Amino acid sequence: AVSALALPDAPEQPGWALSDESYQPPVCIEWQSQRLGNTRRIWIYATGAAHPQARPLAILLDGQFWAESMPVWSPLAGLTREKRLPQAVYLLIDVIDNQHRAEELPCNEAFWLAVQEELLPLVRQITPFSDRADRTVVAGQSF
């Protein structure tokens, strides 16, 4: 079970109070990786379309957590509306299971080549984003 409990002296958790914020639903597709020989769900979520080619890309590992257990869509939409986050493209990558998570996420060259060579071009067909390294971030639960 996931808890969104925050104690009174906890640091601010921007966006989580915006759970009623309206948002465009994310696109959820299955990525069939030739390099990895597996299939997983990915979610693609874009906030804003003013300058789509310049939007930063945020890659969130443990994507199923952020898509289903503790959905980030409303907080991201609200923080973007408040201009606390830039308009961006968010790519959430499912881990498949704990075995794949342990094999692929800690600096696995094959996984990251598959993301770069297979997944990012697939995402770009759905929505544009900047391909600049200084406008790309990767985040996850651990590792």
C-alpha atoms as a PDB file:
ATOM      1  CA  ALA A   1       0.000   0.000   0.000  1.00  0.00           C
ATOM      2  CA  VAL A   2       1.094   3.536  -0.701  1.00  0.00           C
ATOM      3  CA  SER A   3       0.597   6.346   1.756  1.00  0.00           C
ATOM      4  CA  ALA A   4       0.511  10.029   0.899  1.00  0.00           C
ATOM      5  CA  LEU A   5       0.769  10.888   4.597  1.00  0.00           C
ATOM      6  CA  ALA A   6       2.697  14.090   5.356  1.00  0.00           C
ATOM      7  CA  LEU A   7       3.538  15.081   8.926  1.00  0.00           C
ATOM      8  CA  PRO A   8       3.161  18.728  10.051  1.00  0.00           C
ATOM      9  CA  ASP A   9       6.897  19.545   9.997  1.00  0.00           C
ATOM     10  CA  ALA A  10       7.592  17.791   6.701  1.00  0.00           C
ATOM     11  CA  PRO A  11       9.037  19.881   3.873  1.00  0.00           C
ATOM     12  CA  GLU A  12       6.568  21.217   1.330  1.00  0.00           C
ATOM     13  CA  GLN A  13       5.517  18.668  -1.279  1.00  0.00           C
ATOM     14  CA  PRO A  14       4.553  20.952  -4.154  1.00  0.00           C
ATOM     15  CA  GLY A  15       1.682  19.841  -6.307  1.00  0.00           C
ATOM     16  CA  TRP A  16       0.193  17.042  -4.243  1.00  0.00           C
ATOM     17  CA  ALA A  17      -2.510  19.355  -2.901  1.00  0.00           C
ATOM     18  CA  LEU A  18      -3.595  19.873  -6.525  1.00  0.00           C
ATOM     19  CA  SER A  19      -5.196  16.439  -6.843  1.00  0.00           C
ATOM     20  CA  ASP A  20      -8.352  17.895  -8.422  1.00  0.00           C
ATOM     21  CA  GLU A  21      -6.438  19.681 -11.195  1.00  0.00           C
ATOM     22  CA  SER A  22      -7.799  18.771 -14.622  1.00  0.00           C
ATOM     23  CA  TYR A  23      -5.355  17.277 -17.124  1.00  0.00           C
ATOM     24  CA  GLN A  24      -5.128  15.702 -20.548  1.00  0.00           C
ATOM     25  CA  PRO A  25      -5.011  11.936 -20.042  1.00  0.00           C
ATOM     26  CA  PRO A  26      -1.621  10.330 -20.692  1.00  0.00           C
ATOM     27  CA  VAL A  27      -1.062   7.978 -23.595  1.00  0.00           C
ATOM     28  CA  CYS A  28      -0.312   4.431 -22.425  1.00  0.00           C
ATOM     29  CA  ILE A  29       1.240   2.069 -24.954  1.00  0.00           C
ATOM     30  CA  GLU A  30       3.192  -1.162 -24.942  1.00  0.00           C
ATOM     31  CA  TRP A  31       6.837  -0.887 -25.936  1.00  0.00           C
ATOM     32  CA  GLN A  32       8.172  -4.059 -27.514  1.00  0.00           C
ATOM     33  CA  SER A  33      11.947  -3.828 -27.247  1.00  0.00           C
ATOM     34  CA  GLN A  34      13.917  -5.768 -29.834  1.00  0.00           C
ATOM     35  CA  ARG A  35      17.184  -5.152 -27.968  1.00  0.00           C
ATOM     36  CA  LEU A  36      15.852  -6.271 -24.576  1.00  0.00           C
ATOM     37  CA  GLY A  37      13.524  -8.970 -25.894  1.00  0.00           C
ATOM     38  CA  ASN A  38      10.634  -7.860 -23.691  1.00  0.00           C
ATOM     39  CA  THR A  39       7.454  -5.808 -23.647  1.00  0.00           C
ATOM     40  CA  ARG A  40       6.417  -3.228 -21.082  1.00  0.00           C
ATOM     41  CA  ARG A  41       3.934  -0.416 -20.632  1.00  0.00           C
ATOM     42  CA  ILE A  42       4.999   3.178 -20.965  1.00  0.00           C
ATOM     43  CA  TRP A  43       3.021   6.336 -20.323  1.00  0.00           C
ATOM     44  CA  ILE A  44       3.564   9.561 -22.245  1.00  0.00           C
ATOM     45  CA  TYR A  45       2.239  12.746 -20.713  1.00  0.00           C
ATOM     46  CA  ALA A  46       2.702  16.258 -22.075  1.00  0.00           C
ATOM     47  CA  THR A  47       1.943  19.525 -20.338  1.00  0.00           C
ATOM     48  CA  GLY A  48       1.447  22.444 -22.687  1.00  0.00           C
ATOM     49  CA  ALA A  49       2.113  22.796 -26.380  1.00  0.00           C
ATOM     50  CA  ALA A  50       3.374  26.373 -26.775  1.00  0.00           C
ATOM     51  CA  HIS A  51       6.812  25.289 -28.082  1.00  0.00           C
ATOM     52  CA  PRO A  52       6.602  21.508 -28.403  1.00  0.00           C
ATOM     53  CA  GLN A  53      10.079  20.988 -29.922  1.00  0.00           C
ATOM     54  CA  ALA A  54      11.678  22.784 -26.946  1.00  0.00           C
ATOM     55  CA  ARG A  55       9.850  20.953 -24.155  1.00  0.00           C
ATOM     56  CA  PRO A  56      12.159  19.232 -21.662  1.00  0.00           C
ATOM     57  CA  LEU A  57      11.924  15.463 -21.301  1.00  0.00           C
ATOM     58  CA  ALA A  58      11.542  13.890 -17.858  1.00  0.00           C
ATOM     59  CA  ILE A  59      12.001  10.115 -17.765  1.00  0.00           C
ATOM     60  CA  LEU A  60      10.460   8.553 -14.661  1.00  0.00           C
ATOM     61  CA  LEU A  61      11.542   5.016 -13.880  1.00  0.00           C
ATOM     62  CA  ASP A  62       9.213   2.816 -11.842  1.00  0.00           C
ATOM     63  CA  GLY A  63       6.592   4.313 -14.132  1.00  0.00           C
ATOM     64  CA  GLN A  64       3.776   2.048 -12.964  1.00  0.00           C
ATOM     65  CA  PHE A  65       4.128   3.569  -9.478  1.00  0.00           C
ATOM     66  CA  TRP A  66       3.779   7.153 -10.739  1.00  0.00           C
ATOM     67  CA  ALA A  67       1.019   6.217 -13.188  1.00  0.00           C
ATOM     68  CA  GLU A  68      -1.133   4.020 -10.949  1.00  0.00           C
ATOM     69  CA  SER A  69      -0.176   3.932  -7.253  1.00  0.00           C
ATOM     70  CA  MET A  70       0.551   7.629  -6.788  1.00  0.00           C
ATOM     71  CA  PRO A  71      -0.591   9.287 -10.043  1.00  0.00           C
ATOM     72  CA  VAL A  72       1.411  12.382 -10.953  1.00  0.00           C
ATOM     73  CA  TRP A  73      -0.878  13.759 -13.673  1.00  0.00           C
ATOM     74  CA  SER A  74      -2.826  16.322 -11.592  1.00  0.00           C
ATOM     75  CA  PRO A  75       0.227  17.557  -9.638  1.00  0.00           C
ATOM     76  CA  LEU A  76       2.234  17.998 -12.851  1.00  0.00           C
ATOM     77  CA  ALA A  77      -0.653  19.807 -14.559  1.00  0.00           C
ATOM     78  CA  GLY A  78      -1.135  22.101 -11.565  1.00  0.00           C
ATOM     79  CA  LEU A  79       2.549  22.900 -11.126  1.00  0.00           C
ATOM     80  CA  THR A  80       2.790  23.658 -14.845  1.00  0.00           C
ATOM     81  CA  ARG A  81      -0.274  25.919 -14.698  1.00  0.00           C
ATOM     82  CA  GLU A  82       1.289  27.739 -11.731  1.00  0.00           C
ATOM     83  CA  LYS A  83       4.534  28.060 -13.744  1.00  0.00           C
ATOM     84  CA  ARG A  84       6.463  26.189 -11.062  1.00  0.00           C
ATOM     85  CA  LEU A  85       7.362  23.614 -13.721  1.00  0.00           C
ATOM     86  CA  PRO A  86       7.980  24.263 -17.417  1.00  0.00           C
ATOM     87  CA  GLN A  87       5.798  22.734 -20.086  1.00  0.00           C
ATOM     88  CA  ALA A  88       7.364  19.304 -20.563  1.00  0.00           C
ATOM     89  CA  VAL A  89       7.009  15.739 -21.781  1.00  0.00           C
ATOM     90  CA  TYR A  90       7.007  13.022 -19.128  1.00  0.00           C
ATOM     91  CA  LEU A  91       7.912   9.459 -20.069  1.00  0.00           C
ATOM     92  CA  LEU A  92       7.053   6.861 -17.425  1.00  0.00           C
ATOM     93  CA  ILE A  93       8.661   3.456 -17.957  1.00  0.00           C
ATOM     94  CA  ASP A  94       7.212   0.338 -16.298  1.00  0.00           C
ATOM     95  CA  VAL A  95       9.728  -2.031 -14.688  1.00  0.00           C
ATOM     96  CA  ILE A  96       7.806  -5.215 -15.695  1.00  0.00           C
ATOM     97  CA  ASP A  97       8.682  -6.985 -12.421  1.00  0.00           C
ATOM     98  CA  ASN A  98      11.265  -6.907  -9.623  1.00  0.00           C
ATOM     99  CA  GLN A  99      13.705  -9.150 -11.488  1.00  0.00           C
ATOM    100  CA  HIS A 100      13.733  -6.880 -14.557  1.00  0.00           C
ATOM    101  CA  ARG A 101      13.936  -3.828 -12.309  1.00  0.00           C
ATOM    102  CA  ALA A 102      17.039  -5.172 -10.538  1.00  0.00           C
ATOM    103  CA  GLU A 103      18.692  -6.143 -13.841  1.00  0.00           C
ATOM    104  CA  GLU A 104      17.843  -3.112 -15.964  1.00  0.00           C
ATOM    105  CA  LEU A 105      17.779  -0.004 -13.810  1.00  0.00           C
ATOM    106  CA  PRO A 106      21.241   0.026 -12.182  1.00  0.00           C
ATOM    107  CA  CYS A 107      23.400   1.275 -15.077  1.00  0.00           C
ATOM    108  CA  ASN A 108      22.467  -1.433 -17.580  1.00  0.00           C
ATOM    109  CA  GLU A 109      23.958  -0.440 -20.944  1.00  0.00           C
ATOM    110  CA  ALA A 110      21.504  -2.543 -22.971  1.00  0.00           C
ATOM    111  CA  PHE A 111      18.516  -0.944 -21.224  1.00  0.00           C
ATOM    112  CA  TRP A 112      19.711   2.609 -21.849  1.00  0.00           C
ATOM    113  CA  LEU A 113      20.631   1.868 -25.473  1.00  0.00           C
ATOM    114  CA  ALA A 114      17.121   0.472 -25.956  1.00  0.00           C
ATOM    115  CA  VAL A 115      15.647   3.634 -24.415  1.00  0.00           C
ATOM    116  CA  GLN A 116      17.766   5.854 -26.684  1.00  0.00           C
ATOM    117  CA  GLU A 117      17.519   3.878 -29.912  1.00  0.00           C
ATOM    118  CA  GLU A 118      14.022   2.384 -29.681  1.00  0.00           C
ATOM    119  CA  LEU A 119      11.869   4.134 -27.122  1.00  0.00           C
ATOM    120  CA  LEU A 120      12.705   7.814 -27.597  1.00  0.00           C
ATOM    121  CA  PRO A 121      12.038   7.696 -31.369  1.00  0.00           C
ATOM    122  CA  LEU A 122       8.714   5.970 -30.617  1.00  0.00           C
ATOM    123  CA  VAL A 123       7.775   8.672 -28.097  1.00  0.00           C
ATOM    124  CA  ARG A 124       8.786  11.403 -30.576  1.00  0.00           C
ATOM    125  CA  GLN A 125       6.228   9.978 -33.043  1.00  0.00           C
ATOM    126  CA  ILE A 126       3.543  10.671 -30.432  1.00  0.00           C
ATOM    127  CA  THR A 127       4.681  14.064 -29.148  1.00  0.00           C
ATOM    128  CA  PRO A 128       7.733  16.266 -29.772  1.00  0.00           C
ATOM    129  CA  PHE A 129      10.294  17.168 -27.116  1.00  0.00           C
ATOM    130  CA  SER A 130      13.809  18.590 -26.924  1.00  0.00           C
ATOM    131  CA  ASP A 131      16.641  16.145 -27.523  1.00  0.00           C
ATOM    132  CA  ARG A 132      19.155  18.314 -25.666  1.00  0.00           C
ATOM    133  CA  ALA A 133      20.885  16.598 -22.744  1.00  0.00           C
ATOM    134  CA  ASP A 134      20.609  19.744 -20.623  1.00  0.00           C
ATOM    135  CA  ARG A 135      16.812  19.584 -21.023  1.00  0.00           C
ATOM    136  CA  THR A 136      16.509  15.903 -20.044  1.00  0.00           C
ATOM    137  CA  VAL A 137      16.223  14.390 -16.573  1.00  0.00           C
ATOM    138  CA  VAL A 138      15.970  10.783 -15.381  1.00  0.00           C
ATOM    139  CA  ALA A 139      14.414  10.071 -11.973  1.00  0.00           C
ATOM    140  CA  GLY A 140      13.174   7.031 -10.082  1.00  0.00           C
ATOM    141  CA  GLN A 141      12.515   5.480  -6.708  1.00  0.00           C
ATOM    142  CA  SER A 142      16.054   4.229  -6.049  1.00  0.00           C
ATOM    143  CA  PHE A 143      19.177   2.883  -7.779  1.00  0.00           C
END
